[in-house]
């Protein structure tokens, strides 16, 4: 399948789980097409890039390991994406990836996710937290930053400052996730003190 053919196929993708699942499986079975999908995804001023982002997110939810060969490209280019409906799936991929790294301690991801990748993801998630992004993007970002903060001590205090500052002006969904994340930070802090 050529870039042009994949581009045409993406026109059939919509919000339905069925369509995203179909195309995610198609690409998982034809991993040679993933670079082409990323070409389309990172054509950031093209509306079809959003459909590529939806498919890529679904692929990563089915098999997070499909991103491994593309971590450099993915983490270097997230910051350029600007359509709201493209940013959300990329923030979700970051959350899925980082959760697999820290919470599930996936050995393949531990082998491939470098310090540079983690720094880039940290930077973009903080950008998402301080910029005017949708609640879902902020929710995925705060969870991602929570996990990263279990390794990098400076992250939790910075994240707490943002959550406390923005708490009163945000939606109920933001507040619920923020409370949960702040409780986890407090619990982590206490357990770290007990270990010392």
N, C-alpha and C. Protein backbone atom coordinates (compact mmCIF):
# COMPACT_ATOMS: atom_id res chain seq x y z
N UNK A 1 0.86 -1.19 0.00
CA UNK A 1 0.00 0.00 0.00
C UNK A 1 0.89 1.24 0.00
N UNK A 2 0.63 2.14 -0.90
CA UNK A 2 1.42 3.36 -1.01
C UNK A 2 0.92 4.40 0.00
N UNK A 3 1.68 5.48 0.14
CA UNK A 3 1.26 6.58 1.01
C UNK A 3 -0.09 7.11 0.54
N UNK A 4 -0.23 7.26 -0.77
CA UNK A 4 -1.48 7.79 -1.33
C UNK A 4 -2.65 6.86 -1.02
N UNK A 5 -2.42 5.56 -1.13
CA UNK A 5 -3.50 4.60 -0.86
C UNK A 5 -3.87 4.60 0.63
N UNK A 6 -2.86 4.64 1.50
CA UNK A 6 -3.14 4.70 2.95
C UNK A 6 -3.87 5.99 3.29
N UNK A 7 -3.43 7.08 2.69
CA UNK A 7 -4.07 8.38 2.91
C UNK A 7 -5.56 8.28 2.55
N UNK A 8 -5.85 7.65 1.40
CA UNK A 8 -7.25 7.49 0.96
C UNK A 8 -8.02 6.61 1.93
N UNK A 9 -7.39 5.53 2.40
CA UNK A 9 -8.05 4.63 3.36
C UNK A 9 -8.42 5.36 4.65
N UNK A 10 -7.57 6.29 5.07
CA UNK A 10 -7.83 7.01 6.32
C UNK A 10 -9.09 7.86 6.25
N UNK A 11 -9.55 8.15 5.04
CA UNK A 11 -10.81 8.90 4.90
C UNK A 11 -12.00 8.12 5.45
N UNK A 12 -11.85 6.79 5.54
CA UNK A 12 -12.93 5.95 6.05
C UNK A 12 -12.92 5.83 7.58
N UNK A 13 -11.88 6.35 8.19
CA UNK A 13 -11.78 6.28 9.66
C UNK A 13 -12.68 7.34 10.27
N UNK A 14 -13.42 6.93 11.30
CA UNK A 14 -14.23 7.90 12.04
C UNK A 14 -14.08 7.59 13.53
N UNK A 15 -14.92 8.20 14.35
CA UNK A 15 -14.80 8.02 15.80
C UNK A 15 -15.22 6.62 16.26
N UNK A 16 -15.86 5.86 15.39
CA UNK A 16 -16.35 4.56 15.83
C UNK A 16 -15.19 3.62 16.18
N UNK A 17 -15.40 2.89 17.23
CA UNK A 17 -14.40 1.92 17.70
C UNK A 17 -14.13 0.88 16.60
N UNK A 18 -15.18 0.49 15.92
CA UNK A 18 -15.08 -0.53 14.87
C UNK A 18 -14.10 -0.12 13.76
N UNK A 19 -14.22 1.10 13.28
CA UNK A 19 -13.33 1.59 12.20
C UNK A 19 -11.90 1.72 12.69
N UNK A 20 -11.72 2.31 13.87
CA UNK A 20 -10.36 2.48 14.39
C UNK A 20 -9.71 1.12 14.66
N UNK A 21 -10.50 0.19 15.15
CA UNK A 21 -10.00 -1.16 15.41
C UNK A 21 -9.59 -1.84 14.10
N UNK A 22 -10.41 -1.71 13.08
CA UNK A 22 -10.12 -2.33 11.79
C UNK A 22 -8.79 -1.82 11.23
N UNK A 23 -8.62 -0.50 11.21
CA UNK A 23 -7.40 0.07 10.63
C UNK A 23 -6.18 -0.15 11.53
N UNK A 24 -6.38 -0.17 12.82
CA UNK A 24 -5.27 -0.47 13.74
C UNK A 24 -4.75 -1.88 13.48
N UNK A 25 -5.66 -2.84 13.35
CA UNK A 25 -5.25 -4.22 13.06
C UNK A 25 -4.60 -4.35 11.70
N UNK A 26 -5.13 -3.63 10.73
CA UNK A 26 -4.53 -3.63 9.39
C UNK A 26 -3.07 -3.21 9.47
N UNK A 27 -2.81 -2.14 10.20
CA UNK A 27 -1.44 -1.64 10.31
C UNK A 27 -0.56 -2.50 11.21
N UNK A 28 -1.13 -3.10 12.24
CA UNK A 28 -0.34 -4.00 13.07
C UNK A 28 0.11 -5.22 12.26
N UNK A 29 -0.73 -5.64 11.34
CA UNK A 29 -0.39 -6.78 10.47
C UNK A 29 0.52 -6.38 9.32
N UNK A 30 0.58 -5.08 9.05
CA UNK A 30 1.45 -4.56 7.99
C UNK A 30 2.32 -3.47 8.60
N UNK A 31 3.23 -3.86 9.49
CA UNK A 31 4.03 -2.89 10.22
C UNK A 31 4.91 -2.03 9.29
N UNK A 32 5.12 -2.50 8.06
CA UNK A 32 5.88 -1.70 7.10
C UNK A 32 5.15 -0.40 6.75
N UNK A 33 3.84 -0.34 7.08
CA UNK A 33 3.06 0.86 6.79
C UNK A 33 3.11 1.90 7.93
N UNK A 34 3.65 1.51 9.08
CA UNK A 34 3.67 2.44 10.22
C UNK A 34 4.44 3.72 9.91
N UNK A 35 5.62 3.65 9.27
CA UNK A 35 6.30 4.92 8.93
C UNK A 35 5.44 5.83 8.05
N UNK A 36 4.67 5.22 7.15
CA UNK A 36 3.78 6.01 6.28
C UNK A 36 2.67 6.65 7.11
N UNK A 37 2.12 5.87 8.06
CA UNK A 37 1.10 6.42 8.95
C UNK A 37 1.66 7.60 9.73
N UNK A 38 2.89 7.48 10.21
CA UNK A 38 3.52 8.57 10.96
C UNK A 38 3.78 9.78 10.06
N UNK A 39 4.12 9.55 8.79
CA UNK A 39 4.26 10.67 7.85
C UNK A 39 2.97 11.48 7.79
N UNK A 40 1.86 10.75 7.71
CA UNK A 40 0.54 11.42 7.63
C UNK A 40 0.22 12.08 8.97
N UNK A 41 0.46 11.36 10.06
CA UNK A 41 0.16 11.89 11.40
C UNK A 41 0.90 13.20 11.65
N UNK A 42 2.16 13.26 11.23
CA UNK A 42 2.95 14.46 11.49
C UNK A 42 2.91 15.48 10.35
N UNK A 43 1.97 15.30 9.41
CA UNK A 43 1.63 16.36 8.45
C UNK A 43 0.62 17.23 9.17
N UNK A 44 1.11 18.04 10.07
CA UNK A 44 0.29 18.63 11.13
C UNK A 44 -0.78 19.62 10.68
N UNK A 45 -0.68 20.12 9.46
CA UNK A 45 -1.69 21.07 8.99
C UNK A 45 -2.74 20.40 8.10
N UNK A 46 -2.65 19.10 7.98
CA UNK A 46 -3.58 18.33 7.17
C UNK A 46 -4.59 17.67 8.11
N UNK A 47 -5.87 17.87 7.86
CA UNK A 47 -6.91 17.32 8.74
C UNK A 47 -6.88 15.79 8.82
N UNK A 48 -6.36 15.14 7.79
CA UNK A 48 -6.26 13.68 7.80
C UNK A 48 -5.27 13.21 8.86
N UNK A 49 -4.39 14.09 9.30
CA UNK A 49 -3.43 13.72 10.35
C UNK A 49 -4.16 13.28 11.61
N UNK A 50 -5.33 13.86 11.85
CA UNK A 50 -6.13 13.49 13.01
C UNK A 50 -6.55 12.03 12.94
N UNK A 51 -6.98 11.59 11.76
CA UNK A 51 -7.41 10.20 11.60
C UNK A 51 -6.22 9.25 11.77
N UNK A 52 -5.05 9.68 11.32
CA UNK A 52 -3.84 8.88 11.52
C UNK A 52 -3.54 8.78 13.02
N UNK A 53 -3.74 9.87 13.76
CA UNK A 53 -3.51 9.87 15.21
C UNK A 53 -4.47 8.91 15.91
N UNK A 54 -5.73 8.91 15.48
CA UNK A 54 -6.72 8.00 16.08
C UNK A 54 -6.31 6.55 15.88
N UNK A 55 -5.88 6.23 14.65
CA UNK A 55 -5.48 4.86 14.33
C UNK A 55 -4.23 4.48 15.13
N UNK A 56 -3.27 5.40 15.20
CA UNK A 56 -2.03 5.10 15.91
C UNK A 56 -2.30 4.88 17.40
N UNK A 57 -3.18 5.69 17.97
CA UNK A 57 -3.55 5.50 19.38
C UNK A 57 -4.16 4.12 19.59
N UNK A 58 -5.05 3.73 18.70
CA UNK A 58 -5.72 2.43 18.84
C UNK A 58 -4.71 1.30 18.69
N UNK A 59 -3.77 1.46 17.77
CA UNK A 59 -2.70 0.47 17.60
C UNK A 59 -1.93 0.31 18.91
N UNK A 60 -1.57 1.44 19.50
CA UNK A 60 -0.79 1.41 20.74
C UNK A 60 -1.59 0.82 21.90
N UNK A 61 -2.91 1.01 21.88
CA UNK A 61 -3.74 0.42 22.94
C UNK A 61 -3.82 -1.10 22.78
N UNK A 62 -3.73 -1.57 21.53
CA UNK A 62 -3.75 -3.01 21.27
C UNK A 62 -2.38 -3.64 21.53
N UNK A 63 -1.33 -2.91 21.14
CA UNK A 63 0.04 -3.42 21.31
C UNK A 63 1.00 -2.24 21.41
N UNK A 64 1.32 -1.85 22.63
CA UNK A 64 2.19 -0.68 22.85
C UNK A 64 3.58 -0.89 22.23
N UNK A 65 3.95 -2.12 22.03
CA UNK A 65 5.29 -2.39 21.47
C UNK A 65 5.43 -1.95 20.01
N UNK A 66 4.33 -1.70 19.33
CA UNK A 66 4.42 -1.26 17.93
C UNK A 66 5.11 0.09 17.81
N UNK A 67 5.16 0.86 18.89
CA UNK A 67 5.77 2.19 18.86
C UNK A 67 7.29 2.13 19.04
N UNK A 68 7.80 1.02 19.52
CA UNK A 68 9.22 0.93 19.90
C UNK A 68 10.19 1.42 18.81
N UNK A 69 10.07 0.98 17.56
CA UNK A 69 11.05 1.44 16.56
C UNK A 69 10.92 2.93 16.22
N UNK A 70 9.84 3.55 16.67
CA UNK A 70 9.54 4.93 16.26
C UNK A 70 9.56 5.92 17.42
N UNK A 71 10.12 5.51 18.56
CA UNK A 71 10.11 6.38 19.74
C UNK A 71 10.83 7.70 19.50
N UNK A 72 11.96 7.68 18.81
CA UNK A 72 12.68 8.93 18.52
C UNK A 72 11.80 9.88 17.74
N UNK A 73 11.24 9.37 16.67
CA UNK A 73 10.41 10.21 15.81
C UNK A 73 9.16 10.69 16.53
N UNK A 74 8.50 9.79 17.24
CA UNK A 74 7.28 10.13 17.95
C UNK A 74 7.53 11.22 18.99
N UNK A 75 8.51 10.99 19.86
CA UNK A 75 8.74 11.95 20.95
C UNK A 75 9.28 13.28 20.45
N UNK A 76 9.99 13.28 19.33
CA UNK A 76 10.52 14.54 18.79
C UNK A 76 9.44 15.38 18.11
N UNK A 77 8.36 14.75 17.66
CA UNK A 77 7.37 15.47 16.85
C UNK A 77 6.06 15.78 17.55
N UNK A 78 5.81 15.21 18.72
CA UNK A 78 4.53 15.47 19.40
C UNK A 78 4.31 16.98 19.55
N UNK A 79 5.36 17.70 19.90
CA UNK A 79 5.23 19.13 20.21
C UNK A 79 4.73 19.96 19.03
N UNK A 80 4.82 19.42 17.82
CA UNK A 80 4.39 20.17 16.63
C UNK A 80 2.89 20.01 16.34
N UNK A 81 2.29 18.97 16.89
CA UNK A 81 0.88 18.67 16.61
C UNK A 81 0.00 19.70 17.30
N UNK A 82 -0.99 20.23 16.60
CA UNK A 82 -1.79 21.31 17.19
C UNK A 82 -3.30 21.13 17.09
N UNK A 83 -3.80 20.26 16.23
CA UNK A 83 -5.26 20.04 16.19
C UNK A 83 -5.67 19.35 17.49
N UNK A 84 -6.72 19.87 18.14
CA UNK A 84 -7.19 19.28 19.40
C UNK A 84 -7.45 17.78 19.27
N UNK A 85 -8.08 17.39 18.16
CA UNK A 85 -8.44 15.98 17.99
C UNK A 85 -7.25 15.10 17.63
N UNK A 86 -6.09 15.70 17.40
CA UNK A 86 -4.85 14.93 17.23
C UNK A 86 -4.05 14.90 18.52
N UNK A 87 -4.11 15.98 19.28
CA UNK A 87 -3.34 16.07 20.53
C UNK A 87 -3.83 15.03 21.54
N UNK A 88 -5.15 14.87 21.66
CA UNK A 88 -5.71 13.94 22.64
C UNK A 88 -5.16 12.52 22.46
N UNK A 89 -5.20 11.92 21.25
CA UNK A 89 -4.67 10.56 21.13
C UNK A 89 -3.17 10.46 21.41
N UNK A 90 -2.42 11.51 21.09
CA UNK A 90 -0.98 11.48 21.35
C UNK A 90 -0.69 11.54 22.85
N UNK A 91 -1.48 12.34 23.57
CA UNK A 91 -1.34 12.40 25.03
C UNK A 91 -1.69 11.04 25.64
N UNK A 92 -2.70 10.37 25.08
CA UNK A 92 -3.10 9.04 25.56
C UNK A 92 -1.99 8.03 25.30
N UNK A 93 -1.34 8.10 24.14
CA UNK A 93 -0.22 7.19 23.84
C UNK A 93 0.90 7.40 24.86
N UNK A 94 1.20 8.65 25.18
CA UNK A 94 2.24 8.94 26.19
C UNK A 94 1.88 8.29 27.52
N UNK A 95 0.63 8.43 27.93
CA UNK A 95 0.18 7.84 29.19
C UNK A 95 0.33 6.32 29.15
N UNK A 96 -0.12 5.69 28.07
CA UNK A 96 -0.05 4.23 27.92
C UNK A 96 1.41 3.75 27.98
N UNK A 97 2.27 4.46 27.27
CA UNK A 97 3.69 4.11 27.19
C UNK A 97 4.37 4.23 28.56
N UNK A 98 4.15 5.37 29.21
CA UNK A 98 4.80 5.62 30.50
C UNK A 98 4.24 4.71 31.58
N UNK A 99 2.96 4.44 31.53
CA UNK A 99 2.38 3.52 32.51
C UNK A 99 2.96 2.11 32.33
N UNK A 100 3.15 1.69 31.09
CA UNK A 100 3.76 0.37 30.84
C UNK A 100 5.20 0.34 31.35
N UNK A 101 5.88 1.45 31.23
CA UNK A 101 7.28 1.54 31.67
C UNK A 101 7.40 1.48 33.19
N UNK A 102 6.60 2.28 33.89
CA UNK A 102 6.73 2.39 35.34
C UNK A 102 5.84 1.43 36.12
N UNK A 103 4.59 1.35 35.74
CA UNK A 103 3.63 0.57 36.52
C UNK A 103 3.73 -0.91 36.21
N UNK A 104 3.82 -1.23 34.91
CA UNK A 104 3.86 -2.63 34.51
C UNK A 104 5.29 -3.14 34.37
N UNK A 105 6.24 -2.21 34.38
CA UNK A 105 7.66 -2.53 34.28
C UNK A 105 7.95 -3.45 33.10
N UNK A 106 7.36 -3.11 31.96
CA UNK A 106 7.52 -3.89 30.73
C UNK A 106 8.99 -3.88 30.29
N UNK A 107 9.62 -5.06 30.23
CA UNK A 107 11.05 -5.10 29.92
C UNK A 107 11.41 -4.56 28.53
N UNK A 108 10.56 -4.81 27.54
CA UNK A 108 10.85 -4.30 26.19
C UNK A 108 10.85 -2.77 26.18
N UNK A 109 9.88 -2.20 26.86
CA UNK A 109 9.79 -0.74 26.89
C UNK A 109 10.96 -0.19 27.71
N UNK A 110 11.30 -0.84 28.80
CA UNK A 110 12.44 -0.39 29.61
C UNK A 110 13.73 -0.40 28.80
N UNK A 111 13.83 -1.32 27.86
CA UNK A 111 15.01 -1.42 27.01
C UNK A 111 15.07 -0.30 25.96
N UNK A 112 13.92 0.13 25.47
CA UNK A 112 13.88 1.08 24.35
C UNK A 112 13.62 2.54 24.72
N UNK A 113 12.94 2.77 25.83
CA UNK A 113 12.59 4.14 26.21
C UNK A 113 13.79 4.78 26.90
N UNK A 114 14.39 5.75 26.24
CA UNK A 114 15.64 6.36 26.74
C UNK A 114 15.35 7.59 27.61
N UNK A 115 16.42 8.11 28.21
CA UNK A 115 16.32 9.35 28.98
C UNK A 115 15.81 10.48 28.09
N UNK A 116 16.28 10.55 26.86
CA UNK A 116 15.84 11.60 25.93
C UNK A 116 14.35 11.49 25.69
N UNK A 117 13.85 10.29 25.45
CA UNK A 117 12.41 10.10 25.24
C UNK A 117 11.62 10.57 26.46
N UNK A 118 12.08 10.18 27.66
CA UNK A 118 11.37 10.56 28.88
C UNK A 118 11.39 12.08 29.08
N UNK A 119 12.52 12.71 28.77
CA UNK A 119 12.61 14.18 28.90
C UNK A 119 11.65 14.87 27.94
N UNK A 120 11.58 14.37 26.71
CA UNK A 120 10.67 14.96 25.73
C UNK A 120 9.21 14.80 26.16
N UNK A 121 8.88 13.61 26.65
CA UNK A 121 7.50 13.37 27.10
C UNK A 121 7.18 14.24 28.31
N UNK A 122 8.12 14.39 29.22
CA UNK A 122 7.92 15.26 30.38
C UNK A 122 7.65 16.69 29.94
N UNK A 123 8.46 17.18 29.01
CA UNK A 123 8.31 18.56 28.53
C UNK A 123 6.96 18.78 27.87
N UNK A 124 6.55 17.85 27.00
CA UNK A 124 5.28 18.05 26.29
C UNK A 124 4.11 17.93 27.26
N UNK A 125 4.20 17.04 28.23
CA UNK A 125 3.10 16.91 29.19
C UNK A 125 2.97 18.16 30.06
N UNK A 126 4.09 18.76 30.45
CA UNK A 126 3.99 20.02 31.18
C UNK A 126 3.41 21.12 30.27
N UNK A 127 3.78 21.12 29.00
CA UNK A 127 3.18 22.08 28.06
C UNK A 127 1.67 21.88 27.99
N UNK A 128 1.24 20.62 27.90
CA UNK A 128 -0.19 20.33 27.86
C UNK A 128 -0.89 20.82 29.13
N UNK A 129 -0.21 20.70 30.27
CA UNK A 129 -0.81 21.11 31.54
C UNK A 129 -0.97 22.62 31.64
N UNK A 130 -0.01 23.38 31.09
CA UNK A 130 -0.09 24.84 31.26
C UNK A 130 -0.76 25.55 30.08
N UNK A 131 -0.90 24.84 28.95
CA UNK A 131 -1.57 25.45 27.80
C UNK A 131 -3.07 25.22 27.86
N UNK A 132 -3.77 25.85 26.96
CA UNK A 132 -5.23 25.75 26.91
C UNK A 132 -5.61 24.48 26.14
N UNK A 133 -5.50 23.34 26.80
CA UNK A 133 -5.83 22.05 26.19
C UNK A 133 -7.12 21.52 26.78
N UNK A 134 -7.70 20.55 26.10
CA UNK A 134 -8.92 19.89 26.58
C UNK A 134 -8.62 19.10 27.85
N UNK A 135 -9.66 18.83 28.62
CA UNK A 135 -9.52 18.14 29.90
C UNK A 135 -8.89 16.76 29.73
N UNK A 136 -9.27 16.03 28.71
CA UNK A 136 -8.72 14.68 28.52
C UNK A 136 -7.20 14.73 28.35
N UNK A 137 -6.72 15.71 27.59
CA UNK A 137 -5.27 15.86 27.37
C UNK A 137 -4.59 16.14 28.70
N UNK A 138 -5.16 17.02 29.50
CA UNK A 138 -4.59 17.35 30.81
C UNK A 138 -4.62 16.13 31.74
N UNK A 139 -5.71 15.37 31.68
CA UNK A 139 -5.84 14.18 32.54
C UNK A 139 -4.78 13.15 32.19
N UNK A 140 -4.60 12.87 30.90
CA UNK A 140 -3.56 11.92 30.49
C UNK A 140 -2.18 12.44 30.89
N UNK A 141 -1.98 13.74 30.74
CA UNK A 141 -0.67 14.33 31.05
C UNK A 141 -0.35 14.27 32.53
N UNK A 142 -1.34 14.53 33.38
CA UNK A 142 -1.04 14.50 34.82
C UNK A 142 -0.73 13.08 35.28
N UNK A 143 -1.38 12.08 34.69
CA UNK A 143 -1.06 10.70 35.04
C UNK A 143 0.35 10.35 34.56
N UNK A 144 0.67 10.75 33.35
CA UNK A 144 2.01 10.52 32.79
C UNK A 144 3.06 11.16 33.68
N UNK A 145 2.83 12.41 34.07
CA UNK A 145 3.79 13.12 34.92
C UNK A 145 3.88 12.50 36.31
N UNK A 146 2.78 11.98 36.81
CA UNK A 146 2.84 11.30 38.10
C UNK A 146 3.86 10.15 38.03
N UNK A 147 3.73 9.30 37.01
CA UNK A 147 4.65 8.15 36.88
C UNK A 147 6.08 8.61 36.69
N UNK A 148 6.30 9.60 35.83
CA UNK A 148 7.65 10.12 35.61
C UNK A 148 8.22 10.69 36.91
N UNK A 149 7.35 11.28 37.72
CA UNK A 149 7.78 11.87 38.99
C UNK A 149 8.23 10.84 40.02
N UNK A 150 7.90 9.58 39.81
CA UNK A 150 8.39 8.54 40.71
C UNK A 150 9.88 8.29 40.49
N UNK A 151 10.39 8.73 39.34
CA UNK A 151 11.82 8.62 39.06
C UNK A 151 12.54 9.96 39.20
N UNK A 152 11.90 11.02 38.74
CA UNK A 152 12.51 12.35 38.75
C UNK A 152 11.83 13.19 39.84
N UNK A 153 12.54 13.41 40.93
CA UNK A 153 11.96 14.03 42.14
C UNK A 153 11.37 15.42 41.89
N UNK A 154 11.92 16.18 40.97
CA UNK A 154 11.47 17.56 40.75
C UNK A 154 10.07 17.63 40.12
N UNK A 155 9.61 16.54 39.50
CA UNK A 155 8.34 16.60 38.74
C UNK A 155 7.13 16.73 39.66
N UNK A 156 7.05 15.94 40.72
CA UNK A 156 5.87 15.97 41.58
C UNK A 156 5.59 17.36 42.17
N UNK A 157 6.60 18.06 42.73
CA UNK A 157 6.31 19.40 43.25
C UNK A 157 5.81 20.37 42.18
N UNK A 158 6.39 20.29 40.98
CA UNK A 158 5.95 21.17 39.88
C UNK A 158 4.52 20.84 39.45
N UNK A 159 4.24 19.55 39.37
CA UNK A 159 2.90 19.12 38.98
C UNK A 159 1.88 19.54 40.03
N UNK A 160 2.21 19.38 41.29
CA UNK A 160 1.30 19.79 42.37
C UNK A 160 0.99 21.28 42.30
N UNK A 161 2.00 22.09 42.03
CA UNK A 161 1.79 23.54 41.90
C UNK A 161 0.76 23.85 40.82
N UNK A 162 0.90 23.20 39.67
CA UNK A 162 -0.02 23.44 38.55
C UNK A 162 -1.43 22.97 38.91
N UNK A 163 -1.52 21.78 39.50
CA UNK A 163 -2.84 21.23 39.85
C UNK A 163 -3.55 22.12 40.87
N UNK A 164 -2.83 22.58 41.89
CA UNK A 164 -3.44 23.44 42.90
C UNK A 164 -3.83 24.79 42.32
N UNK A 165 -2.96 25.32 41.46
CA UNK A 165 -3.23 26.63 40.85
C UNK A 165 -4.48 26.60 39.97
N UNK A 166 -4.62 25.53 39.19
CA UNK A 166 -5.71 25.46 38.20
C UNK A 166 -6.98 24.82 38.73
N UNK A 167 -6.91 24.24 39.90
CA UNK A 167 -8.01 23.41 40.42
C UNK A 167 -9.36 24.13 40.39
N UNK A 168 -9.43 25.33 40.92
CA UNK A 168 -10.74 26.00 41.06
C UNK A 168 -11.34 26.41 39.72
N UNK A 169 -10.50 26.60 38.71
CA UNK A 169 -11.01 27.08 37.41
C UNK A 169 -11.30 25.97 36.42
N UNK A 170 -11.13 24.73 36.83
CA UNK A 170 -11.27 23.63 35.89
C UNK A 170 -12.58 22.87 36.11
N UNK A 171 -12.84 21.94 35.17
CA UNK A 171 -14.07 21.15 35.19
C UNK A 171 -14.05 20.10 36.30
N UNK A 172 -15.20 19.49 36.52
CA UNK A 172 -15.33 18.43 37.52
C UNK A 172 -14.42 17.25 37.16
N UNK A 173 -14.31 16.94 35.88
CA UNK A 173 -13.46 15.82 35.44
C UNK A 173 -11.99 16.10 35.76
N UNK A 174 -11.55 17.34 35.52
CA UNK A 174 -10.17 17.72 35.85
C UNK A 174 -9.95 17.59 37.34
N UNK A 175 -10.91 18.12 38.14
CA UNK A 175 -10.77 18.09 39.60
C UNK A 175 -10.69 16.67 40.13
N UNK A 176 -11.50 15.78 39.57
CA UNK A 176 -11.50 14.39 40.03
C UNK A 176 -10.14 13.74 39.76
N UNK A 177 -9.60 13.93 38.56
CA UNK A 177 -8.29 13.34 38.24
C UNK A 177 -7.20 14.01 39.06
N UNK A 178 -7.28 15.32 39.23
CA UNK A 178 -6.26 16.05 39.99
C UNK A 178 -6.23 15.57 41.44
N UNK A 179 -7.40 15.37 42.05
CA UNK A 179 -7.46 14.86 43.43
C UNK A 179 -6.80 13.49 43.52
N UNK A 180 -7.12 12.65 42.57
CA UNK A 180 -6.56 11.30 42.56
C UNK A 180 -5.04 11.34 42.43
N UNK A 181 -4.55 12.17 41.51
CA UNK A 181 -3.10 12.27 41.30
C UNK A 181 -2.42 12.86 42.54
N UNK A 182 -3.02 13.89 43.14
CA UNK A 182 -2.40 14.50 44.33
C UNK A 182 -2.37 13.50 45.50
N UNK A 183 -3.41 12.68 45.63
CA UNK A 183 -3.41 11.64 46.67
C UNK A 183 -2.28 10.64 46.43
N UNK A 184 -2.09 10.28 45.16
CA UNK A 184 -1.01 9.32 44.83
C UNK A 184 0.37 9.94 45.10
N UNK A 185 0.51 11.22 44.81
CA UNK A 185 1.78 11.91 45.08
C UNK A 185 2.06 11.89 46.59
N UNK A 186 1.05 12.22 47.38
CA UNK A 186 1.19 12.24 48.84
C UNK A 186 1.56 10.85 49.35
N UNK A 187 0.88 9.85 48.86
CA UNK A 187 1.15 8.46 49.27
C UNK A 187 2.58 8.06 48.89
N UNK A 188 3.01 8.42 47.69
CA UNK A 188 4.37 8.12 47.24
C UNK A 188 5.40 8.82 48.10
N UNK A 189 5.13 10.09 48.43
CA UNK A 189 6.04 10.87 49.28
C UNK A 189 6.19 10.22 50.64
N UNK A 190 5.05 9.79 51.23
CA UNK A 190 5.10 9.15 52.56
C UNK A 190 5.84 7.83 52.52
N UNK A 191 5.60 7.04 51.48
CA UNK A 191 6.28 5.74 51.42
C UNK A 191 7.78 5.92 51.18
N UNK A 192 8.16 6.98 50.43
CA UNK A 192 9.58 7.27 50.21
C UNK A 192 10.25 7.71 51.52
N UNK A 193 9.53 8.49 52.35
CA UNK A 193 10.08 8.91 53.65
C UNK A 193 10.29 7.72 54.56
N UNK A 194 9.36 6.78 54.51
CA UNK A 194 9.45 5.58 55.35
C UNK A 194 10.62 4.68 54.94
N UNK A 195 11.00 4.76 53.67
CA UNK A 195 12.12 3.95 53.19
C UNK A 195 13.47 4.53 53.63
N UNK A 196 13.47 5.83 53.96
CA UNK A 196 14.74 6.49 54.32
C UNK A 196 15.11 6.20 55.77
